[in-house]
Amino acid sequence: QVQVVESGGGLVRAGGSLRLSCAASGIIFSISPMSWYRQTPGKERELVAVVTSGGTTNYADSVKGRFTISRDNTKNTVYLQMNSLKPEDTAVYYCNLRRGLPPYIDYWGKGTLVTVSS
């Protein structure tokens, strides 16, 4: 059974930093693309950052230069380092794991809340 569990959310002041973690189990992690999404009430879930199995990263324009996604295949964990946080970064952050072999099923964590105060 595949499990995806996020941690590391919390309350931080604008300009501060947080690091989110996402641990996966029950799947071959090293070949799975991993992503972070976020969602606020009334809005669609949006892609924040992605890291491929080969380590290539991509970011939403709104977080470029502030957020860094990384993965540790020895720990089956992906991270999101968030610096220079802004109130508009406030959201529930979700970890996504896409199965690296067919069928390309998406697995989601339950989310972790990040609140940035002004």
PDB file of N, CA and C in Angstrom:
ATOM      1  N   GLN A   1       0.846  -1.189   0.000  1.00  0.00           N
ATOM      2  CA  GLN A   1       0.000   0.000   0.000  1.00  0.00           C
ATOM      3  C   GLN A   1       0.886   1.245   0.000  1.00  0.00           C
ATOM      4  N   VAL A   2       0.612   2.142  -0.926  1.00  0.00           N
ATOM      5  CA  VAL A   2       1.407   3.361  -1.037  1.00  0.00           C
ATOM      6  C   VAL A   2       0.933   4.380  -0.006  1.00  0.00           C
ATOM      7  N   GLN A   3       1.875   4.962   0.689  1.00  0.00           N
ATOM      8  CA  GLN A   3       1.563   6.030   1.643  1.00  0.00           C
ATOM      9  C   GLN A   3       2.444   7.235   1.361  1.00  0.00           C
ATOM     10  N   VAL A   4       1.834   8.396   1.455  1.00  0.00           N
ATOM     11  CA  VAL A   4       2.537   9.667   1.257  1.00  0.00           C
ATOM     12  C   VAL A   4       2.164  10.564   2.428  1.00  0.00           C
ATOM     13  N   VAL A   5       3.143  10.982   3.202  1.00  0.00           N
ATOM     14  CA  VAL A   5       2.869  11.730   4.426  1.00  0.00           C
ATOM     15  C   VAL A   5       3.709  13.000   4.473  1.00  0.00           C
ATOM     16  N   GLU A   6       3.020  14.139   4.549  1.00  0.00           N
ATOM     17  CA  GLU A   6       3.712  15.424   4.646  1.00  0.00           C
ATOM     18  C   GLU A   6       3.905  15.822   6.108  1.00  0.00           C
ATOM     19  N   SER A   7       4.909  16.641   6.334  1.00  0.00           N
ATOM     20  CA  SER A   7       5.140  17.226   7.652  1.00  0.00           C
ATOM     21  C   SER A   7       5.904  18.533   7.486  1.00  0.00           C
ATOM     22  N   GLY A   8       5.920  19.320   8.555  1.00  0.00           N
ATOM     23  CA  GLY A   8       6.739  20.524   8.562  1.00  0.00           C
ATOM     24  C   GLY A   8       5.988  21.829   8.430  1.00  0.00           C
ATOM     25  N   GLY A   9       4.679  21.775   8.249  1.00  0.00           N
ATOM     26  CA  GLY A   9       3.929  23.019   8.146  1.00  0.00           C
ATOM     27  C   GLY A   9       3.858  23.736   9.481  1.00  0.00           C
ATOM     28  N   GLY A  10       3.348  24.959   9.449  1.00  0.00           N
ATOM     29  CA  GLY A  10       3.218  25.721  10.680  1.00  0.00           C
ATOM     30  C   GLY A  10       2.998  27.180  10.409  1.00  0.00           C
ATOM     31  N   LEU A  11       3.148  27.967  11.461  1.00  0.00           N
ATOM     32  CA  LEU A  11       2.956  29.415  11.392  1.00  0.00           C
ATOM     33  C   LEU A  11       4.321  30.093  11.382  1.00  0.00           C
ATOM     34  N   VAL A  12       4.503  31.012  10.449  1.00  0.00           N
ATOM     35  CA  VAL A  12       5.762  31.728  10.336  1.00  0.00           C
ATOM     36  C   VAL A  12       5.471  33.163   9.912  1.00  0.00           C
ATOM     37  N   ARG A  13       6.338  34.067  10.300  1.00  0.00           N
ATOM     38  CA  ARG A  13       6.166  35.459   9.902  1.00  0.00           C
ATOM     39  C   ARG A  13       6.693  35.680   8.491  1.00  0.00           C
ATOM     40  N   ALA A  14       6.163  36.678   7.848  1.00  0.00           N
ATOM     41  CA  ALA A  14       6.635  37.040   6.513  1.00  0.00           C
ATOM     42  C   ALA A  14       8.148  37.258   6.542  1.00  0.00           C
ATOM     43  N   GLY A  15       8.811  36.720   5.528  1.00  0.00           N
ATOM     44  CA  GLY A  15      10.263  36.787   5.461  1.00  0.00           C
ATOM     45  C   GLY A  15      10.959  35.587   6.064  1.00  0.00           C
ATOM     46  N   GLY A  16      10.208  34.769   6.772  1.00  0.00           N
ATOM     47  CA  GLY A  16      10.773  33.600   7.424  1.00  0.00           C
ATOM     48  C   GLY A  16      10.880  32.409   6.494  1.00  0.00           C
ATOM     49  N   SER A  17      11.281  31.284   7.079  1.00  0.00           N
ATOM     50  CA  SER A  17      11.510  30.060   6.311  1.00  0.00           C
ATOM     51  C   SER A  17      10.839  28.864   6.972  1.00  0.00           C
ATOM     52  N   LEU A  18      10.503  27.907   6.148  1.00  0.00           N
ATOM     53  CA  LEU A  18      10.007  26.604   6.611  1.00  0.00           C
ATOM     54  C   LEU A  18      10.531  25.540   5.661  1.00  0.00           C
ATOM     55  N   ARG A  19      10.672  24.325   6.168  1.00  0.00           N
ATOM     56  CA  ARG A  19      11.007  23.199   5.312  1.00  0.00           C
ATOM     57  C   ARG A  19       9.949  22.122   5.470  1.00  0.00           C
ATOM     58  N   LEU A  20       9.324  21.793   4.373  1.00  0.00           N
ATOM     59  CA  LEU A  20       8.348  20.713   4.354  1.00  0.00           C
ATOM     60  C   LEU A  20       9.042  19.420   3.947  1.00  0.00           C
ATOM     61  N   SER A  21       8.551  18.331   4.507  1.00  0.00           N
ATOM     62  CA  SER A  21       9.045  17.011   4.155  1.00  0.00           C
ATOM     63  C   SER A  21       7.882  16.144   3.712  1.00  0.00           C
ATOM     64  N   CYS A  22       8.189  15.196   2.847  1.00  0.00           N
ATOM     65  CA  CYS A  22       7.182  14.250   2.376  1.00  0.00           C
ATOM     66  C   CYS A  22       7.843  12.880   2.283  1.00  0.00           C
ATOM     67  N   ALA A  23       7.367  11.975   3.106  1.00  0.00           N
ATOM     68  CA  ALA A  23       7.915  10.622   3.135  1.00  0.00           C
ATOM     69  C   ALA A  23       6.962   9.672   2.425  1.00  0.00           C
ATOM     70  N   ALA A  24       7.523   8.843   1.565  1.00  0.00           N
ATOM     71  CA  ALA A  24       6.718   7.882   0.813  1.00  0.00           C
ATOM     72  C   ALA A  24       7.134   6.460   1.163  1.00  0.00           C
ATOM     73  N   SER A  25       6.186   5.552   1.052  1.00  0.00           N
ATOM     74  CA  SER A  25       6.468   4.147   1.301  1.00  0.00           C
ATOM     75  C   SER A  25       5.562   3.302   0.423  1.00  0.00           C
ATOM     76  N   GLY A  26       5.971   2.055   0.236  1.00  0.00           N
ATOM     77  CA  GLY A  26       5.142   1.131  -0.531  1.00  0.00           C
ATOM     78  C   GLY A  26       5.285   1.248  -2.029  1.00  0.00           C
ATOM     79  N   ILE A  27       6.341   1.918  -2.479  1.00  0.00           N
ATOM     80  CA  ILE A  27       6.507   2.143  -3.914  1.00  0.00           C
ATOM     81  C   ILE A  27       7.990   2.343  -4.193  1.00  0.00           C
ATOM     82  N   ILE A  28       8.384   2.126  -5.463  1.00  0.00           N
ATOM     83  CA  ILE A  28       9.781   2.380  -5.837  1.00  0.00           C
ATOM     84  C   ILE A  28       9.952   3.888  -5.966  1.00  0.00           C
ATOM     85  N   PHE A  29      10.449   4.497  -4.914  1.00  0.00           N
ATOM     86  CA  PHE A  29      10.492   5.955  -4.835  1.00  0.00           C
ATOM     87  C   PHE A  29      11.432   6.567  -5.865  1.00  0.00           C
ATOM     88  N   SER A  30      12.565   5.944  -6.093  1.00  0.00           N
ATOM     89  CA  SER A  30      13.623   6.583  -6.880  1.00  0.00           C
ATOM     90  C   SER A  30      13.218   6.868  -8.320  1.00  0.00           C
ATOM     91  N   ILE A  31      12.235   6.149  -8.848  1.00  0.00           N
ATOM     92  CA  ILE A  31      11.841   6.373 -10.238  1.00  0.00           C
ATOM     93  C   ILE A  31      10.557   7.188 -10.334  1.00  0.00           C
ATOM     94  N   SER A  32      10.095   7.686  -9.215  1.00  0.00           N
ATOM     95  CA  SER A  32       8.829   8.413  -9.185  1.00  0.00           C
ATOM     96  C   SER A  32       9.052   9.911  -9.186  1.00  0.00           C
ATOM     97  N   PRO A  33       8.452  10.620 -10.146  1.00  0.00           N
ATOM     98  CA  PRO A  33       8.468  12.083 -10.070  1.00  0.00           C
ATOM     99  C   PRO A  33       7.706  12.528  -8.823  1.00  0.00           C
ATOM    100  N   MET A  34       8.205  13.571  -8.172  1.00  0.00           N
ATOM    101  CA  MET A  34       7.576  14.073  -6.956  1.00  0.00           C
ATOM    102  C   MET A  34       7.273  15.558  -7.123  1.00  0.00           C
ATOM    103  N   SER A  35       6.152  15.963  -6.582  1.00  0.00           N
ATOM    104  CA  SER A  35       5.734  17.361  -6.724  1.00  0.00           C
ATOM    105  C   SER A  35       5.136  17.864  -5.429  1.00  0.00           C
ATOM    106  N   TRP A  36       5.178  19.171  -5.287  1.00  0.00           N
ATOM    107  CA  TRP A  36       4.448  19.874  -4.237  1.00  0.00           C
ATOM    108  C   TRP A  36       3.392  20.755  -4.901  1.00  0.00           C
ATOM    109  N   TYR A  37       2.193  20.678  -4.375  1.00  0.00           N
ATOM    110  CA  TYR A  37       1.090  21.526  -4.785  1.00  0.00           C
ATOM    111  C   TYR A  37       0.614  22.305  -3.558  1.00  0.00           C
ATOM    112  N   ARG A  38      -0.169  23.341  -3.809  1.00  0.00           N
ATOM    113  CA  ARG A  38      -0.801  24.050  -2.706  1.00  0.00           C
ATOM    114  C   ARG A  38      -2.197  24.485  -3.115  1.00  0.00           C
ATOM    115  N   GLN A  39      -3.004  24.695  -2.081  1.00  0.00           N
ATOM    116  CA  GLN A  39      -4.398  25.059  -2.324  1.00  0.00           C
ATOM    117  C   GLN A  39      -4.898  25.951  -1.210  1.00  0.00           C
ATOM    118  N   THR A  40      -5.639  26.988  -1.606  1.00  0.00           N
ATOM    119  CA  THR A  40      -6.318  27.858  -0.658  1.00  0.00           C
ATOM    120  C   THR A  40      -7.818  27.727  -0.885  1.00  0.00           C
ATOM    121  N   PRO A  41      -8.618  28.064   0.116  1.00  0.00           N
ATOM    122  CA  PRO A  41     -10.069  27.907  -0.010  1.00  0.00           C
ATOM    123  C   PRO A  41     -10.622  28.626  -1.242  1.00  0.00           C
ATOM    124  N   GLY A  42     -11.435  27.920  -1.995  1.00  0.00           N
ATOM    125  CA  GLY A  42     -12.084  28.513  -3.151  1.00  0.00           C
ATOM    126  C   GLY A  42     -11.240  28.550  -4.409  1.00  0.00           C
ATOM    127  N   LYS A  43     -10.021  28.048  -4.303  1.00  0.00           N
ATOM    128  CA  LYS A  43      -9.138  28.054  -5.470  1.00  0.00           C
ATOM    129  C   LYS A  43      -8.736  26.633  -5.841  1.00  0.00           C
ATOM    130  N   GLU A  44      -8.323  26.474  -7.082  1.00  0.00           N
ATOM    131  CA  GLU A  44      -7.854  25.173  -7.529  1.00  0.00           C
ATOM    132  C   GLU A  44      -6.458  24.901  -6.969  1.00  0.00           C
ATOM    133  N   ARG A  45      -6.173  23.630  -6.844  1.00  0.00           N
ATOM    134  CA  ARG A  45      -4.839  23.241  -6.411  1.00  0.00           C
ATOM    135  C   ARG A  45      -3.842  23.635  -7.492  1.00  0.00           C
ATOM    136  N   GLU A  46      -2.726  24.240  -7.071  1.00  0.00           N
ATOM    137  CA  GLU A  46      -1.744  24.694  -8.052  1.00  0.00           C
ATOM    138  C   GLU A  46      -0.399  24.021  -7.824  1.00  0.00           C
ATOM    139  N   LEU A  47       0.306  23.778  -8.909  1.00  0.00           N
ATOM    140  CA  LEU A  47       1.623  23.180  -8.831  1.00  0.00           C
ATOM    141  C   LEU A  47       2.627  24.207  -8.328  1.00  0.00           C
ATOM    142  N   VAL A  48       3.407  23.813  -7.342  1.00  0.00           N
ATOM    143  CA  VAL A  48       4.430  24.699  -6.787  1.00  0.00           C
ATOM    144  C   VAL A  48       5.806  24.326  -7.320  1.00  0.00           C
ATOM    145  N   ALA A  49       6.135  23.045  -7.251  1.00  0.00           N
ATOM    146  CA  ALA A  49       7.463  22.597  -7.670  1.00  0.00           C
ATOM    147  C   ALA A  49       7.413  21.113  -7.982  1.00  0.00           C
ATOM    148  N   VAL A  50       8.305  20.697  -8.861  1.00  0.00           N
ATOM    149  CA  VAL A  50       8.395  19.286  -9.234  1.00  0.00           C
ATOM    150  C   VAL A  50       9.868  18.894  -9.353  1.00  0.00           C
ATOM    151  N   VAL A  51      10.158  17.662  -8.986  1.00  0.00           N
ATOM    152  CA  VAL A  51      11.491  17.094  -9.193  1.00  0.00           C
ATOM    153  C   VAL A  51      11.313  15.727  -9.837  1.00  0.00           C
ATOM    154  N   THR A  52      11.992  15.534 -10.958  1.00  0.00           N
ATOM    155  CA  THR A  52      11.882  14.269 -11.671  1.00  0.00           C
ATOM    156  C   THR A  52      12.747  13.205 -11.003  1.00  0.00           C
ATOM    157  N   SER A  53      12.632  11.989 -11.495  1.00  0.00           N
ATOM    158  CA  SER A  53      13.459  10.911 -10.961  1.00  0.00           C
ATOM    159  C   SER A  53      14.934  11.183 -11.216  1.00  0.00           C
ATOM    160  N   GLY A  54      15.223  11.935 -12.256  1.00  0.00           N
ATOM    161  CA  GLY A  54      16.604  12.271 -12.577  1.00  0.00           C
ATOM    162  C   GLY A  54      17.119  13.507 -11.872  1.00  0.00           C
ATOM    163  N   GLY A  55      16.246  14.158 -11.103  1.00  0.00           N
ATOM    164  CA  GLY A  55      16.683  15.319 -10.337  1.00  0.00           C
ATOM    165  C   GLY A  55      16.421  16.661 -10.989  1.00  0.00           C
ATOM    166  N   THR A  56      15.801  16.668 -12.152  1.00  0.00           N
ATOM    167  CA  THR A  56      15.445  17.938 -12.799  1.00  0.00           C
ATOM    168  C   THR A  56      14.306  18.592 -12.023  1.00  0.00           C
ATOM    169  N   THR A  57      14.428  19.895 -11.819  1.00  0.00           N
ATOM    170  CA  THR A  57      13.422  20.617 -11.049  1.00  0.00           C
ATOM    171  C   THR A  57      12.742  21.684 -11.901  1.00  0.00           C
ATOM    172  N   ASN A  58      11.533  22.013 -11.482  1.00  0.00           N
ATOM    173  CA  ASN A  58      10.800  23.091 -12.132  1.00  0.00           C
ATOM    174  C   ASN A  58       9.902  23.735 -11.086  1.00  0.00           C
ATOM    175  N   TYR A  59       9.676  25.049 -11.250  1.00  0.00           N
ATOM    176  CA  TYR A  59       8.952  25.808 -10.228  1.00  0.00           C
ATOM    177  C   TYR A  59       7.898  26.709 -10.847  1.00  0.00           C
ATOM    178  N   ALA A  60       6.870  26.971 -10.066  1.00  0.00           N
ATOM    179  CA  ALA A  60       5.919  27.999 -10.439  1.00  0.00           C
ATOM    180  C   ALA A  60       6.630  29.346 -10.393  1.00  0.00           C
ATOM    181  N   ASP A  61       6.227  30.244 -11.278  1.00  0.00           N
ATOM    182  CA  ASP A  61       6.875  31.560 -11.325  1.00  0.00           C
ATOM    183  C   ASP A  61       6.797  32.275  -9.978  1.00  0.00           C
ATOM    184  N   SER A  62       5.718  32.046  -9.262  1.00  0.00           N
ATOM    185  CA  SER A  62       5.490  32.773  -8.009  1.00  0.00           C
ATOM    186  C   SER A  62       6.467  32.378  -6.897  1.00  0.00           C
ATOM    187  N   VAL A  63       7.150  31.245  -7.056  1.00  0.00           N
ATOM    188  CA  VAL A  63       8.052  30.792  -5.996  1.00  0.00           C
ATOM    189  C   VAL A  63       9.501  30.688  -6.454  1.00  0.00           C
ATOM    190  N   LYS A  64       9.769  30.944  -7.724  1.00  0.00           N
ATOM    191  CA  LYS A  64      11.134  30.841  -8.234  1.00  0.00           C
ATOM    192  C   LYS A  64      12.072  31.757  -7.468  1.00  0.00           C
ATOM    193  N   GLY A  65      13.215  31.214  -7.101  1.00  0.00           N
ATOM    194  CA  GLY A  65      14.194  31.991  -6.357  1.00  0.00           C
ATOM    195  C   GLY A  65      13.973  31.994  -4.861  1.00  0.00           C
ATOM    196  N   ARG A  66      12.824  31.490  -4.417  1.00  0.00           N
ATOM    197  CA  ARG A  66      12.522  31.451  -2.971  1.00  0.00           C
ATOM    198  C   ARG A  66      12.380  30.026  -2.451  1.00  0.00           C
ATOM    199  N   PHE A  67      11.833  29.146  -3.260  1.00  0.00           N
ATOM    200  CA  PHE A  67      11.594  27.759  -2.849  1.00  0.00           C
ATOM    201  C   PHE A  67      12.581  26.831  -3.564  1.00  0.00           C
ATOM    202  N   THR A  68      12.940  25.760  -2.882  1.00  0.00           N
ATOM    203  CA  THR A  68      13.812  24.747  -3.466  1.00  0.00           C
ATOM    204  C   THR A  68      13.260  23.368  -3.160  1.00  0.00           C
ATOM    205  N   ILE A  69      13.056  22.589  -4.196  1.00  0.00           N
ATOM    206  CA  ILE A  69      12.614  21.208  -4.023  1.00  0.00           C
ATOM    207  C   ILE A  69      13.823  20.294  -4.167  1.00  0.00           C
ATOM    208  N   SER A  70      13.861  19.271  -3.336  1.00  0.00           N
ATOM    209  CA  SER A  70      14.960  18.315  -3.411  1.00  0.00           C
ATOM    210  C   SER A  70      14.439  16.947  -2.977  1.00  0.00           C
ATOM    211  N   ARG A  71      15.207  15.932  -3.292  1.00  0.00           N
ATOM    212  CA  ARG A  71      14.791  14.589  -2.921  1.00  0.00           C
ATOM    213  C   ARG A  71      15.984  13.806  -2.397  1.00  0.00           C
ATOM    214  N   ASP A  72      15.706  12.898  -1.480  1.00  0.00           N
ATOM    215  CA  ASP A  72      16.709  11.997  -0.927  1.00  0.00           C
ATOM    216  C   ASP A  72      16.176  10.585  -1.144  1.00  0.00           C
ATOM    217  N   ASN A  73      16.686   9.929  -2.163  1.00  0.00           N
ATOM    218  CA  ASN A  73      16.171   8.600  -2.494  1.00  0.00           C
ATOM    219  C   ASN A  73      16.560   7.552  -1.449  1.00  0.00           C
ATOM    220  N   THR A  74      17.577   7.832  -0.654  1.00  0.00           N
ATOM    221  CA  THR A  74      17.949   6.882   0.404  1.00  0.00           C
ATOM    222  C   THR A  74      16.949   6.911   1.551  1.00  0.00           C
ATOM    223  N   LYS A  75      16.201   8.015   1.644  1.00  0.00           N
ATOM    224  CA  LYS A  75      15.205   8.156   2.710  1.00  0.00           C
ATOM    225  C   LYS A  75      13.777   8.166   2.170  1.00  0.00           C
ATOM    226  N   ASN A  76      13.624   7.975   0.876  1.00  0.00           N
ATOM    227  CA  ASN A  76      12.292   8.015   0.252  1.00  0.00           C
ATOM    228  C   ASN A  76      11.550   9.290   0.629  1.00  0.00           C
ATOM    229  N   THR A  77      12.264  10.403   0.576  1.00  0.00           N
ATOM    230  CA  THR A  77      11.709  11.665   1.056  1.00  0.00           C
ATOM    231  C   THR A  77      11.996  12.782   0.067  1.00  0.00           C
ATOM    232  N   VAL A  78      11.015  13.661  -0.087  1.00  0.00           N
ATOM    233  CA  VAL A  78      11.190  14.873  -0.869  1.00  0.00           C
ATOM    234  C   VAL A  78      10.973  16.054   0.062  1.00  0.00           C
ATOM    235  N   TYR A  79      11.698  17.117  -0.197  1.00  0.00           N
ATOM    236  CA  TYR A  79      11.654  18.306   0.657  1.00  0.00           C
ATOM    237  C   TYR A  79      11.246  19.531  -0.147  1.00  0.00           C
ATOM    238  N   LEU A  80      10.699  20.495   0.545  1.00  0.00           N
ATOM    239  CA  LEU A  80      10.455  21.806  -0.037  1.00  0.00           C
ATOM    240  C   LEU A  80      10.962  22.844   0.946  1.00  0.00           C
ATOM    241  N   GLN A  81      12.096  23.436   0.614  1.00  0.00           N
ATOM    242  CA  GLN A  81      12.647  24.514   1.419  1.00  0.00           C
ATOM    243  C   GLN A  81      12.030  25.821   0.957  1.00  0.00           C
ATOM    244  N   MET A  82      11.374  26.506   1.868  1.00  0.00           N
ATOM    245  CA  MET A  82      10.659  27.729   1.528  1.00  0.00           C
ATOM    246  C   MET A  82      11.281  28.894   2.284  1.00  0.00           C
ATOM    247  N   ASN A  83      11.860  29.826   1.548  1.00  0.00           N
ATOM    248  CA  ASN A  83      12.486  31.001   2.130  1.00  0.00           C
ATOM    249  C   ASN A  83      11.749  32.262   1.704  1.00  0.00           C
ATOM    250  N   SER A  84      12.017  33.335   2.397  1.00  0.00           N
ATOM    251  CA  SER A  84      11.397  34.633   2.079  1.00  0.00           C
ATOM    252  C   SER A  84       9.890  34.487   1.899  1.00  0.00           C
ATOM    253  N   LEU A  85       9.276  33.843   2.846  1.00  0.00           N
ATOM    254  CA  LEU A  85       7.849  33.551   2.741  1.00  0.00           C
ATOM    255  C   LEU A  85       7.017  34.823   2.766  1.00  0.00           C
ATOM    256  N   LYS A  86       5.923  34.769   2.025  1.00  0.00           N
ATOM    257  CA  LYS A  86       4.996  35.894   1.916  1.00  0.00           C
ATOM    258  C   LYS A  86       3.613  35.449   2.398  1.00  0.00           C
ATOM    259  N   PRO A  87       2.788  36.386   2.829  1.00  0.00           N
ATOM    260  CA  PRO A  87       1.426  36.002   3.251  1.00  0.00           C
ATOM    261  C   PRO A  87       0.672  35.246   2.160  1.00  0.00           C
ATOM    262  N   GLU A  88       0.940  35.568   0.904  1.00  0.00           N
ATOM    263  CA  GLU A  88       0.244  34.865  -0.182  1.00  0.00           C
ATOM    264  C   GLU A  88       0.714  33.429  -0.379  1.00  0.00           C
ATOM    265  N   ASP A  89       1.738  33.018   0.349  1.00  0.00           N
ATOM    266  CA  ASP A  89       2.153  31.611   0.336  1.00  0.00           C
ATOM    267  C   ASP A  89       1.307  30.764   1.284  1.00  0.00           C
ATOM    268  N   THR A  90       0.472  31.414   2.062  1.00  0.00           N
ATOM    269  CA  THR A  90      -0.390  30.686   2.979  1.00  0.00           C
ATOM    270  C   THR A  90      -1.308  29.745   2.213  1.00  0.00           C
ATOM    271  N   ALA A  91      -1.273  28.467   2.586  1.00  0.00           N
ATOM    272  CA  ALA A  91      -2.053  27.446   1.873  1.00  0.00           C
ATOM    273  C   ALA A  91      -1.862  26.100   2.561  1.00  0.00           C
ATOM    274  N   VAL A  92      -2.655  25.149   2.135  1.00  0.00           N
ATOM    275  CA  VAL A  92      -2.378  23.754   2.475  1.00  0.00           C
ATOM    276  C   VAL A  92      -1.482  23.209   1.372  1.00  0.00           C
ATOM    277  N   TYR A  93      -0.362  22.651   1.774  1.00  0.00           N
ATOM    278  CA  TYR A  93       0.606  22.122   0.824  1.00  0.00           C
ATOM    279  C   TYR A  93       0.468  20.601   0.753  1.00  0.00           C
ATOM    280  N   TYR A  94       0.375  20.111  -0.462  1.00  0.00           N
ATOM    281  CA  TYR A  94       0.178  18.680  -0.693  1.00  0.00           C
ATOM    282  C   TYR A  94       1.376  18.104  -1.452  1.00  0.00           C
ATOM    283  N   CYS A  95       1.739  16.930  -1.068  1.00  0.00           N
ATOM    284  CA  CYS A  95       2.787  16.187  -1.767  1.00  0.00           C
ATOM    285  C   CYS A  95       2.129  15.225  -2.747  1.00  0.00           C
ATOM    286  N   ASN A  96       2.689  15.170  -3.939  1.00  0.00           N
ATOM    287  CA  ASN A  96       2.203  14.263  -4.975  1.00  0.00           C
ATOM    288  C   ASN A  96       3.325  13.344  -5.417  1.00  0.00           C
ATOM    289  N   LEU A  97       3.004  12.075  -5.484  1.00  0.00           N
ATOM    290  CA  LEU A  97       3.915  11.075  -6.020  1.00  0.00           C
ATOM    291  C   LEU A  97       3.238  10.442  -7.229  1.00  0.00           C
ATOM    292  N   ARG A  98       3.940  10.451  -8.339  1.00  0.00           N
ATOM    293  CA  ARG A  98       3.414   9.792  -9.531  1.00  0.00           C
ATOM    294  C   ARG A  98       4.176   8.483  -9.720  1.00  0.00           C
ATOM    295  N   ARG A  99       3.444   7.415  -9.814  1.00  0.00           N
ATOM    296  CA  ARG A  99       4.057   6.109 -10.014  1.00  0.00           C
ATOM    297  C   ARG A  99       4.953   6.157 -11.239  1.00  0.00           C
ATOM    298  N   GLY A 100       6.181   5.630 -11.106  1.00  0.00           N
ATOM    299  CA  GLY A 100       7.164   5.753 -12.169  1.00  0.00           C
ATOM    300  C   GLY A 100       7.047   4.746 -13.279  1.00  0.00           C
ATOM    301  N   LEU A 101       6.114   3.794 -13.117  1.00  0.00           N
ATOM    302  CA  LEU A 101       5.876   2.780 -14.128  1.00  0.00           C
ATOM    303  C   LEU A 101       4.391   2.754 -14.442  1.00  0.00           C
ATOM    304  N   PRO A 102       3.998   2.280 -15.639  1.00  0.00           N
ATOM    305  CA  PRO A 102       2.564   2.191 -15.939  1.00  0.00           C
ATOM    306  C   PRO A 102       1.878   1.220 -14.974  1.00  0.00           C
ATOM    307  N   PRO A 103       0.673   1.491 -14.571  1.00  0.00           N
ATOM    308  CA  PRO A 103      -0.102   2.716 -14.837  1.00  0.00           C
ATOM    309  C   PRO A 103       0.420   3.889 -14.004  1.00  0.00           C
ATOM    310  N   TYR A 104       0.405   5.074 -14.607  1.00  0.00           N
ATOM    311  CA  TYR A 104       0.973   6.254 -13.953  1.00  0.00           C
ATOM    312  C   TYR A 104      -0.043   6.868 -12.990  1.00  0.00           C
ATOM    313  N   ILE A 105      -0.193   6.222 -11.868  1.00  0.00           N
ATOM    314  CA  ILE A 105      -1.159   6.631 -10.859  1.00  0.00           C
ATOM    315  C   ILE A 105      -0.568   7.726  -9.989  1.00  0.00           C
ATOM    316  N   ASP A 106      -1.402   8.692  -9.624  1.00  0.00           N
ATOM    317  CA  ASP A 106      -1.001   9.752  -8.701  1.00  0.00           C
ATOM    318  C   ASP A 106      -1.429   9.398  -7.283  1.00  0.00           C
ATOM    319  N   TYR A 107      -0.513   9.599  -6.351  1.00  0.00           N
ATOM    320  CA  TYR A 107      -0.808   9.418  -4.938  1.00  0.00           C
ATOM    321  C   TYR A 107      -0.610  10.761  -4.235  1.00  0.00           C
ATOM    322  N   TRP A 108      -1.503  11.025  -3.294  1.00  0.00           N
ATOM    323  CA  TRP A 108      -1.486  12.305  -2.597  1.00  0.00           C
ATOM    324  C   TRP A 108      -1.409  12.114  -1.090  1.00  0.00           C
ATOM    325  N   GLY A 109      -0.719  13.035  -0.443  1.00  0.00           N
ATOM    326  CA  GLY A 109      -0.775  13.105   1.003  1.00  0.00           C
ATOM    327  C   GLY A 109      -2.005  13.877   1.438  1.00  0.00           C
ATOM    328  N   LYS A 110      -2.185  13.975   2.759  1.00  0.00           N
ATOM    329  CA  LYS A 110      -3.357  14.680   3.295  1.00  0.00           C
ATOM    330  C   LYS A 110      -3.136  16.170   3.412  1.00  0.00           C
ATOM    331  N   GLY A 111      -1.914  16.608   3.240  1.00  0.00           N
ATOM    332  CA  GLY A 111      -1.621  18.031   3.250  1.00  0.00           C
ATOM    333  C   GLY A 111      -1.096  18.525   4.585  1.00  0.00           C
ATOM    334  N   THR A 112      -0.359  19.623   4.525  1.00  0.00           N
ATOM    335  CA  THR A 112       0.137  20.276   5.721  1.00  0.00           C
ATOM    336  C   THR A 112      -0.073  21.787   5.553  1.00  0.00           C
ATOM    337  N   LEU A 113      -0.569  22.418   6.604  1.00  0.00           N
ATOM    338  CA  LEU A 113      -0.944  23.827   6.522  1.00  0.00           C
ATOM    339  C   LEU A 113       0.255  24.721   6.794  1.00  0.00           C
ATOM    340  N   VAL A 114       0.454  25.667   5.886  1.00  0.00           N
ATOM    341  CA  VAL A 114       1.467  26.706   6.065  1.00  0.00           C
ATOM    342  C   VAL A 114       0.747  28.042   6.172  1.00  0.00           C
ATOM    343  N   THR A 115       0.998  28.746   7.254  1.00  0.00           N
ATOM    344  CA  THR A 115       0.387  30.056   7.461  1.00  0.00           C
ATOM    345  C   THR A 115       1.490  31.083   7.632  1.00  0.00           C
ATOM    346  N   VAL A 116       1.458  32.113   6.786  1.00  0.00           N
ATOM    347  CA  VAL A 116       2.464  33.176   6.842  1.00  0.00           C
ATOM    348  C   VAL A 116       1.774  34.459   7.280  1.00  0.00           C
ATOM    349  N   SER A 117       2.178  34.978   8.410  1.00  0.00           N
ATOM    350  CA  SER A 117       1.561  36.192   8.941  1.00  0.00           C
ATOM    351  C   SER A 117       2.334  37.420   8.472  1.00  0.00           C
ATOM    352  N   SER A 118       1.612  38.508   8.317  1.00  0.00           N
ATOM    353  CA  SER A 118       2.253  39.751   7.845  1.00  0.00           C
ATOM    354  C   SER A 118       2.777  40.576   8.992  1.00  0.00           C
TER     355      SER A 118
END
